[in-house]
Amino acid sequence: MVHPNDRKSVDNAYTKSLQQGRNSYQIEHRVLRKNGEIRTVLEKCEHIRNKSGKVIKSIGMVQDITEQKKLMKK
């Protein structure tokens, strides 16, 4: 689940990418796991368009980058 404090940023990244006619977006944000643990993820999304250019679906992936972020702080 997207961390409640990051929900607006994630929604805005998706919405702006559509409004600006981009084919993709990516954003780093936090997720809140069921056990209460907070993790940092990199989300990447690509919009799939039909022949007329209309977005018909969005597909993507989320990668947990928590450990990489911790190593960068050291």
PDB file of N, CA and C in Angstrom:
ATOM      1  N   MET A   1       0.844  -1.175   0.000  1.00  0.00           N
ATOM      2  CA  MET A   1       0.000   0.000   0.000  1.00  0.00           C
ATOM      3  C   MET A   1       0.897   1.249   0.000  1.00  0.00           C
ATOM      4  N   VAL A   2       0.556   2.184  -0.840  1.00  0.00           N
ATOM      5  CA  VAL A   2       1.309   3.444  -0.868  1.00  0.00           C
ATOM      6  C   VAL A   2       1.166   4.122   0.493  1.00  0.00           C
ATOM      7  N   HIS A   3       2.281   4.598   1.019  1.00  0.00           N
ATOM      8  CA  HIS A   3       2.265   5.303   2.305  1.00  0.00           C
ATOM      9  C   HIS A   3       1.290   6.477   2.196  1.00  0.00           C
ATOM     10  N   PRO A   4       0.435   6.661   3.192  1.00  0.00           N
ATOM     11  CA  PRO A   4      -0.559   7.748   3.125  1.00  0.00           C
ATOM     12  C   PRO A   4       0.043   9.124   2.846  1.00  0.00           C
ATOM     13  N   ASN A   5       1.239   9.395   3.359  1.00  0.00           N
ATOM     14  CA  ASN A   5       1.870  10.701   3.134  1.00  0.00           C
ATOM     15  C   ASN A   5       2.408  10.863   1.718  1.00  0.00           C
ATOM     16  N   ASP A   6       2.507   9.760   0.961  1.00  0.00           N
ATOM     17  CA  ASP A   6       3.015   9.805  -0.412  1.00  0.00           C
ATOM     18  C   ASP A   6       1.916   9.621  -1.453  1.00  0.00           C
ATOM     19  N   ARG A   7       0.707   9.322  -1.016  1.00  0.00           N
ATOM     20  CA  ARG A   7      -0.394   9.022  -1.943  1.00  0.00           C
ATOM     21  C   ARG A   7      -0.609  10.147  -2.950  1.00  0.00           C
ATOM     22  N   LYS A   8      -0.638  11.386  -2.496  1.00  0.00           N
ATOM     23  CA  LYS A   8      -0.900  12.515  -3.395  1.00  0.00           C
ATOM     24  C   LYS A   8       0.190  12.635  -4.461  1.00  0.00           C
ATOM     25  N   SER A   9       1.441  12.459  -4.078  1.00  0.00           N
ATOM     26  CA  SER A   9       2.550  12.552  -5.036  1.00  0.00           C
ATOM     27  C   SER A   9       2.464  11.463  -6.095  1.00  0.00           C
ATOM     28  N   VAL A  10       2.126  10.241  -5.676  1.00  0.00           N
ATOM     29  CA  VAL A  10       2.006   9.129  -6.618  1.00  0.00           C
ATOM     30  C   VAL A  10       0.842   9.379  -7.579  1.00  0.00           C
ATOM     31  N   ASP A  11      -0.292   9.796  -7.043  1.00  0.00           N
ATOM     32  CA  ASP A  11      -1.446  10.095  -7.891  1.00  0.00           C
ATOM     33  C   ASP A  11      -1.128  11.218  -8.879  1.00  0.00           C
ATOM     34  N   ASN A  12      -0.417  12.247  -8.401  1.00  0.00           N
ATOM     35  CA  ASN A  12      -0.052  13.369  -9.272  1.00  0.00           C
ATOM     36  C   ASN A  12       0.901  12.942 -10.381  1.00  0.00           C
ATOM     37  N   ALA A  13       1.848  12.061 -10.073  1.00  0.00           N
ATOM     38  CA  ALA A  13       2.793  11.590 -11.094  1.00  0.00           C
ATOM     39  C   ALA A  13       2.041  10.892 -12.215  1.00  0.00           C
ATOM     40  N   TYR A  14       1.097  10.057 -11.852  1.00  0.00           N
ATOM     41  CA  TYR A  14       0.298   9.333 -12.850  1.00  0.00           C
ATOM     42  C   TYR A  14      -0.557  10.308 -13.666  1.00  0.00           C
ATOM     43  N   THR A  15      -1.294  11.154 -12.973  1.00  0.00           N
ATOM     44  CA  THR A  15      -2.212  12.087 -13.629  1.00  0.00           C
ATOM     45  C   THR A  15      -1.464  13.056 -14.544  1.00  0.00           C
ATOM     46  N   LYS A  16      -0.367  13.634 -14.066  1.00  0.00           N
ATOM     47  CA  LYS A  16       0.402  14.583 -14.876  1.00  0.00           C
ATOM     48  C   LYS A  16       0.985  13.921 -16.116  1.00  0.00           C
ATOM     49  N   SER A  17       1.413  12.672 -15.985  1.00  0.00           N
ATOM     50  CA  SER A  17       1.975  11.997 -17.159  1.00  0.00           C
ATOM     51  C   SER A  17       0.912  11.857 -18.241  1.00  0.00           C
ATOM     52  N   LEU A  18      -0.319  11.603 -17.852  1.00  0.00           N
ATOM     53  CA  LEU A  18      -1.409  11.522 -18.820  1.00  0.00           C
ATOM     54  C   LEU A  18      -1.740  12.898 -19.397  1.00  0.00           C
ATOM     55  N   GLN A  19      -1.859  13.894 -18.525  1.00  0.00           N
ATOM     56  CA  GLN A  19      -2.212  15.245 -18.959  1.00  0.00           C
ATOM     57  C   GLN A  19      -1.156  15.830 -19.902  1.00  0.00           C
ATOM     58  N   GLN A  20       0.101  15.495 -19.667  1.00  0.00           N
ATOM     59  CA  GLN A  20       1.194  16.032 -20.473  1.00  0.00           C
ATOM     60  C   GLN A  20       1.493  15.178 -21.700  1.00  0.00           C
ATOM     61  N   GLY A  21       0.730  14.117 -21.895  1.00  0.00           N
ATOM     62  CA  GLY A  21       0.890  13.279 -23.074  1.00  0.00           C
ATOM     63  C   GLY A  21       2.150  12.415 -23.071  1.00  0.00           C
ATOM     64  N   ARG A  22       2.725  12.224 -21.894  1.00  0.00           N
ATOM     65  CA  ARG A  22       3.930  11.398 -21.817  1.00  0.00           C
ATOM     66  C   ARG A  22       3.574   9.919 -21.928  1.00  0.00           C
ATOM     67  N   ASN A  23       4.541   9.126 -22.322  1.00  0.00           N
ATOM     68  CA  ASN A  23       4.339   7.688 -22.463  1.00  0.00           C
ATOM     69  C   ASN A  23       4.693   6.909 -21.206  1.00  0.00           C
ATOM     70  N   SER A  24       5.308   7.584 -20.243  1.00  0.00           N
ATOM     71  CA  SER A  24       5.717   6.884 -19.034  1.00  0.00           C
ATOM     72  C   SER A  24       5.984   7.881 -17.914  1.00  0.00           C
ATOM     73  N   TYR A  25       6.201   7.329 -16.732  1.00  0.00           N
ATOM     74  CA  TYR A  25       6.655   8.122 -15.593  1.00  0.00           C
ATOM     75  C   TYR A  25       7.367   7.187 -14.627  1.00  0.00           C
ATOM     76  N   GLN A  26       8.139   7.772 -13.733  1.00  0.00           N
ATOM     77  CA  GLN A  26       8.710   7.004 -12.628  1.00  0.00           C
ATOM     78  C   GLN A  26       8.763   7.892 -11.406  1.00  0.00           C
ATOM     79  N   ILE A  27       8.653   7.259 -10.241  1.00  0.00           N
ATOM     80  CA  ILE A  27       8.649   7.997  -8.996  1.00  0.00           C
ATOM     81  C   ILE A  27       9.162   7.091  -7.876  1.00  0.00           C
ATOM     82  N   GLU A  28       9.922   7.666  -6.970  1.00  0.00           N
ATOM     83  CA  GLU A  28      10.305   6.979  -5.736  1.00  0.00           C
ATOM     84  C   GLU A  28       9.297   7.383  -4.676  1.00  0.00           C
ATOM     85  N   HIS A  29       8.848   6.393  -3.909  1.00  0.00           N
ATOM     86  CA  HIS A  29       7.930   6.692  -2.813  1.00  0.00           C
ATOM     87  C   HIS A  29       7.988   5.584  -1.781  1.00  0.00           C
ATOM     88  N   ARG A  30       7.295   5.784  -0.700  1.00  0.00           N
ATOM     89  CA  ARG A  30       7.268   4.787   0.363  1.00  0.00           C
ATOM     90  C   ARG A  30       6.003   3.937   0.262  1.00  0.00           C
ATOM     91  N   VAL A  31       6.134   2.714   0.745  1.00  0.00           N
ATOM     92  CA  VAL A  31       4.974   1.842   0.886  1.00  0.00           C
ATOM     93  C   VAL A  31       4.906   1.406   2.342  1.00  0.00           C
ATOM     94  N   LEU A  32       3.701   1.149   2.778  1.00  0.00           N
ATOM     95  CA  LEU A  32       3.447   0.705   4.152  1.00  0.00           C
ATOM     96  C   LEU A  32       2.992  -0.739   4.075  1.00  0.00           C
ATOM     97  N   ARG A  33       3.784  -1.636   4.652  1.00  0.00           N
ATOM     98  CA  ARG A  33       3.450  -3.053   4.627  1.00  0.00           C
ATOM     99  C   ARG A  33       2.442  -3.379   5.728  1.00  0.00           C
ATOM    100  N   LYS A  34       1.790  -4.516   5.608  1.00  0.00           N
ATOM    101  CA  LYS A  34       0.773  -4.934   6.586  1.00  0.00           C
ATOM    102  C   LYS A  34       1.320  -5.007   8.000  1.00  0.00           C
ATOM    103  N   ASN A  35       2.601  -5.343   8.132  1.00  0.00           N
ATOM    104  CA  ASN A  35       3.208  -5.456   9.459  1.00  0.00           C
ATOM    105  C   ASN A  35       3.659  -4.107  10.018  1.00  0.00           C
ATOM    106  N   GLY A  36       3.383  -3.014   9.290  1.00  0.00           N
ATOM    107  CA  GLY A  36       3.737  -1.672   9.725  1.00  0.00           C
ATOM    108  C   GLY A  36       5.087  -1.184   9.230  1.00  0.00           C
ATOM    109  N   GLU A  37       5.844  -2.062   8.583  1.00  0.00           N
ATOM    110  CA  GLU A  37       7.159  -1.691   8.066  1.00  0.00           C
ATOM    111  C   GLU A  37       7.015  -0.735   6.884  1.00  0.00           C
ATOM    112  N   ILE A  38       7.886   0.254   6.842  1.00  0.00           N
ATOM    113  CA  ILE A  38       7.907   1.216   5.735  1.00  0.00           C
ATOM    114  C   ILE A  38       9.095   0.888   4.846  1.00  0.00           C
ATOM    115  N   ARG A  39       8.840   0.756   3.554  1.00  0.00           N
ATOM    116  CA  ARG A  39       9.878   0.468   2.569  1.00  0.00           C
ATOM    117  C   ARG A  39       9.874   1.568   1.516  1.00  0.00           C
ATOM    118  N   THR A  40      10.995   1.766   0.853  1.00  0.00           N
ATOM    119  CA  THR A  40      11.100   2.726  -0.242  1.00  0.00           C
ATOM    120  C   THR A  40      11.125   1.950  -1.551  1.00  0.00           C
ATOM    121  N   VAL A  41      10.336   2.408  -2.516  1.00  0.00           N
ATOM    122  CA  VAL A  41      10.242   1.715  -3.798  1.00  0.00           C
ATOM    123  C   VAL A  41      10.446   2.688  -4.954  1.00  0.00           C
ATOM    124  N   LEU A  42      10.857   2.119  -6.077  1.00  0.00           N
ATOM    125  CA  LEU A  42      10.922   2.843  -7.337  1.00  0.00           C
ATOM    126  C   LEU A  42       9.794   2.292  -8.197  1.00  0.00           C
ATOM    127  N   GLU A  43       8.876   3.141  -8.571  1.00  0.00           N
ATOM    128  CA  GLU A  43       7.737   2.745  -9.408  1.00  0.00           C
ATOM    129  C   GLU A  43       7.952   3.295 -10.810  1.00  0.00           C
ATOM    130  N   LYS A  44       7.821   2.424 -11.800  1.00  0.00           N
ATOM    131  CA  LYS A  44       7.919   2.829 -13.204  1.00  0.00           C
ATOM    132  C   LYS A  44       6.650   2.373 -13.906  1.00  0.00           C
ATOM    133  N   CYS A  45       6.112   3.246 -14.738  1.00  0.00           N
ATOM    134  CA  CYS A  45       4.868   2.942 -15.426  1.00  0.00           C
ATOM    135  C   CYS A  45       4.966   3.379 -16.886  1.00  0.00           C
ATOM    136  N   GLU A  46       4.414   2.566 -17.755  1.00  0.00           N
ATOM    137  CA  GLU A  46       4.361   2.882 -19.177  1.00  0.00           C
ATOM    138  C   GLU A  46       2.901   2.844 -19.630  1.00  0.00           C
ATOM    139  N   HIS A  47       2.522   3.845 -20.413  1.00  0.00           N
ATOM    140  CA  HIS A  47       1.159   3.914 -20.942  1.00  0.00           C
ATOM    141  C   HIS A  47       1.127   3.269 -22.322  1.00  0.00           C
ATOM    142  N   ILE A  48       0.171   2.416 -22.525  1.00  0.00           N
ATOM    143  CA  ILE A  48      -0.018   1.746 -23.814  1.00  0.00           C
ATOM    144  C   ILE A  48      -1.155   2.464 -24.532  1.00  0.00           C
ATOM    145  N   ARG A  49      -0.889   2.825 -25.776  1.00  0.00           N
ATOM    146  CA  ARG A  49      -1.873   3.586 -26.558  1.00  0.00           C
ATOM    147  C   ARG A  49      -2.401   2.753 -27.721  1.00  0.00           C
ATOM    148  N   ASN A  50      -3.625   3.078 -28.133  1.00  0.00           N
ATOM    149  CA  ASN A  50      -4.172   2.437 -29.327  1.00  0.00           C
ATOM    150  C   ASN A  50      -3.688   3.205 -30.563  1.00  0.00           C
ATOM    151  N   LYS A  51      -4.140   2.808 -31.738  1.00  0.00           N
ATOM    152  CA  LYS A  51      -3.673   3.431 -32.981  1.00  0.00           C
ATOM    153  C   LYS A  51      -3.989   4.915 -33.068  1.00  0.00           C
ATOM    154  N   SER A  52      -5.039   5.347 -32.386  1.00  0.00           N
ATOM    155  CA  SER A  52      -5.389   6.769 -32.427  1.00  0.00           C
ATOM    156  C   SER A  52      -4.679   7.581 -31.344  1.00  0.00           C
ATOM    157  N   GLY A  53      -3.875   6.915 -30.513  1.00  0.00           N
ATOM    158  CA  GLY A  53      -3.102   7.631 -29.503  1.00  0.00           C
ATOM    159  C   GLY A  53      -3.729   7.683 -28.130  1.00  0.00           C
ATOM    160  N   LYS A  54      -4.913   7.096 -27.987  1.00  0.00           N
ATOM    161  CA  LYS A  54      -5.595   7.093 -26.689  1.00  0.00           C
ATOM    162  C   LYS A  54      -4.964   6.038 -25.781  1.00  0.00           C
ATOM    163  N   VAL A  55      -4.719   6.416 -24.513  1.00  0.00           N
ATOM    164  CA  VAL A  55      -4.183   5.468 -23.549  1.00  0.00           C
ATOM    165  C   VAL A  55      -5.259   4.428 -23.251  1.00  0.00           C
ATOM    166  N   ILE A  56      -4.921   3.163 -23.476  1.00  0.00           N
ATOM    167  CA  ILE A  56      -5.884   2.088 -23.228  1.00  0.00           C
ATOM    168  C   ILE A  56      -5.538   1.269 -21.987  1.00  0.00           C
ATOM    169  N   LYS A  57      -4.292   1.357 -21.545  1.00  0.00           N
ATOM    170  CA  LYS A  57      -3.912   0.734 -20.274  1.00  0.00           C
ATOM    171  C   LYS A  57      -2.545   1.246 -19.853  1.00  0.00           C
ATOM    172  N   SER A  58      -2.258   1.062 -18.592  1.00  0.00           N
ATOM    173  CA  SER A  58      -0.956   1.433 -18.037  1.00  0.00           C
ATOM    174  C   SER A  58      -0.391   0.201 -17.345  1.00  0.00           C
ATOM    175  N   ILE A  59       0.862  -0.086 -17.624  1.00  0.00           N
ATOM    176  CA  ILE A  59       1.518  -1.216 -16.982  1.00  0.00           C
ATOM    177  C   ILE A  59       2.800  -0.729 -16.330  1.00  0.00           C
ATOM    178  N   GLY A  60       3.216  -1.433 -15.299  1.00  0.00           N
ATOM    179  CA  GLY A  60       4.415  -0.975 -14.633  1.00  0.00           C
ATOM    180  C   GLY A  60       4.972  -1.989 -13.670  1.00  0.00           C
ATOM    181  N   MET A  61       5.958  -1.518 -12.926  1.00  0.00           N
ATOM    182  CA  MET A  61       6.609  -2.356 -11.940  1.00  0.00           C
ATOM    183  C   MET A  61       7.004  -1.496 -10.755  1.00  0.00           C
ATOM    184  N   VAL A  62       7.148  -2.180  -9.632  1.00  0.00           N
ATOM    185  CA  VAL A  62       7.583  -1.520  -8.406  1.00  0.00           C
ATOM    186  C   VAL A  62       8.761  -2.322  -7.863  1.00  0.00           C
ATOM    187  N   GLN A  63       9.885  -1.652  -7.646  1.00  0.00           N
ATOM    188  CA  GLN A  63      11.096  -2.303  -7.147  1.00  0.00           C
ATOM    189  C   GLN A  63      11.429  -1.754  -5.775  1.00  0.00           C
ATOM    190  N   ASP A  64      11.647  -2.642  -4.829  1.00  0.00           N
ATOM    191  CA  ASP A  64      12.027  -2.244  -3.476  1.00  0.00           C
ATOM    192  C   ASP A  64      13.489  -1.798  -3.503  1.00  0.00           C
ATOM    193  N   ILE A  65      13.728  -0.538  -3.166  1.00  0.00           N
ATOM    194  CA  ILE A  65      15.086   0.013  -3.176  1.00  0.00           C
ATOM    195  C   ILE A  65      15.518   0.461  -1.776  1.00  0.00           C
ATOM    196  N   THR A  66      14.848  -0.058  -0.772  1.00  0.00           N
ATOM    197  CA  THR A  66      15.125   0.351   0.606  1.00  0.00           C
ATOM    198  C   THR A  66      16.585   0.146   0.974  1.00  0.00           C
ATOM    199  N   GLU A  67      17.121  -1.033   0.690  1.00  0.00           N
ATOM    200  CA  GLU A  67      18.504  -1.329   1.080  1.00  0.00           C
ATOM    201  C   GLU A  67      19.494  -0.446   0.323  1.00  0.00           C
ATOM    202  N   GLN A  68      19.243  -0.186  -0.956  1.00  0.00           N
ATOM    203  CA  GLN A  68      20.137   0.698  -1.722  1.00  0.00           C
ATOM    204  C   GLN A  68      20.141   2.106  -1.134  1.00  0.00           C
ATOM    205  N   LYS A  69      18.973   2.576  -0.715  1.00  0.00           N
ATOM    206  CA  LYS A  69      18.874   3.918  -0.132  1.00  0.00           C
ATOM    207  C   LYS A  69      19.658   3.974   1.186  1.00  0.00           C
ATOM    208  N   LYS A  70      19.576   2.904   1.977  1.00  0.00           N
ATOM    209  CA  LYS A  70      20.319   2.853   3.241  1.00  0.00           C
ATOM    210  C   LYS A  70      21.814   2.887   2.992  1.00  0.00           C
ATOM    211  N   LEU A  71      22.284   2.162   1.982  1.00  0.00           N
ATOM    212  CA  LEU A  71      23.715   2.130   1.661  1.00  0.00           C
ATOM    213  C   LEU A  71      24.207   3.488   1.183  1.00  0.00           C
ATOM    214  N   MET A  72      23.366   4.211   0.474  1.00  0.00           N
ATOM    215  CA  MET A  72      23.744   5.535  -0.034  1.00  0.00           C
ATOM    216  C   MET A  72      23.919   6.535   1.095  1.00  0.00           C
ATOM    217  N   LYS A  73      23.218   6.330   2.191  1.00  0.00           N
ATOM    218  CA  LYS A  73      23.298   7.249   3.334  1.00  0.00           C
ATOM    219  C   LYS A  73      24.582   7.063   4.123  1.00  0.00           C
ATOM    220  N   LYS A  74      25.206   5.897   3.985  1.00  0.00           N
ATOM    221  CA  LYS A  74      26.425   5.610   4.753  1.00  0.00           C
ATOM    222  C   LYS A  74      27.637   6.306   4.196  1.00  0.00           C
TER     223      LYS A  74
END
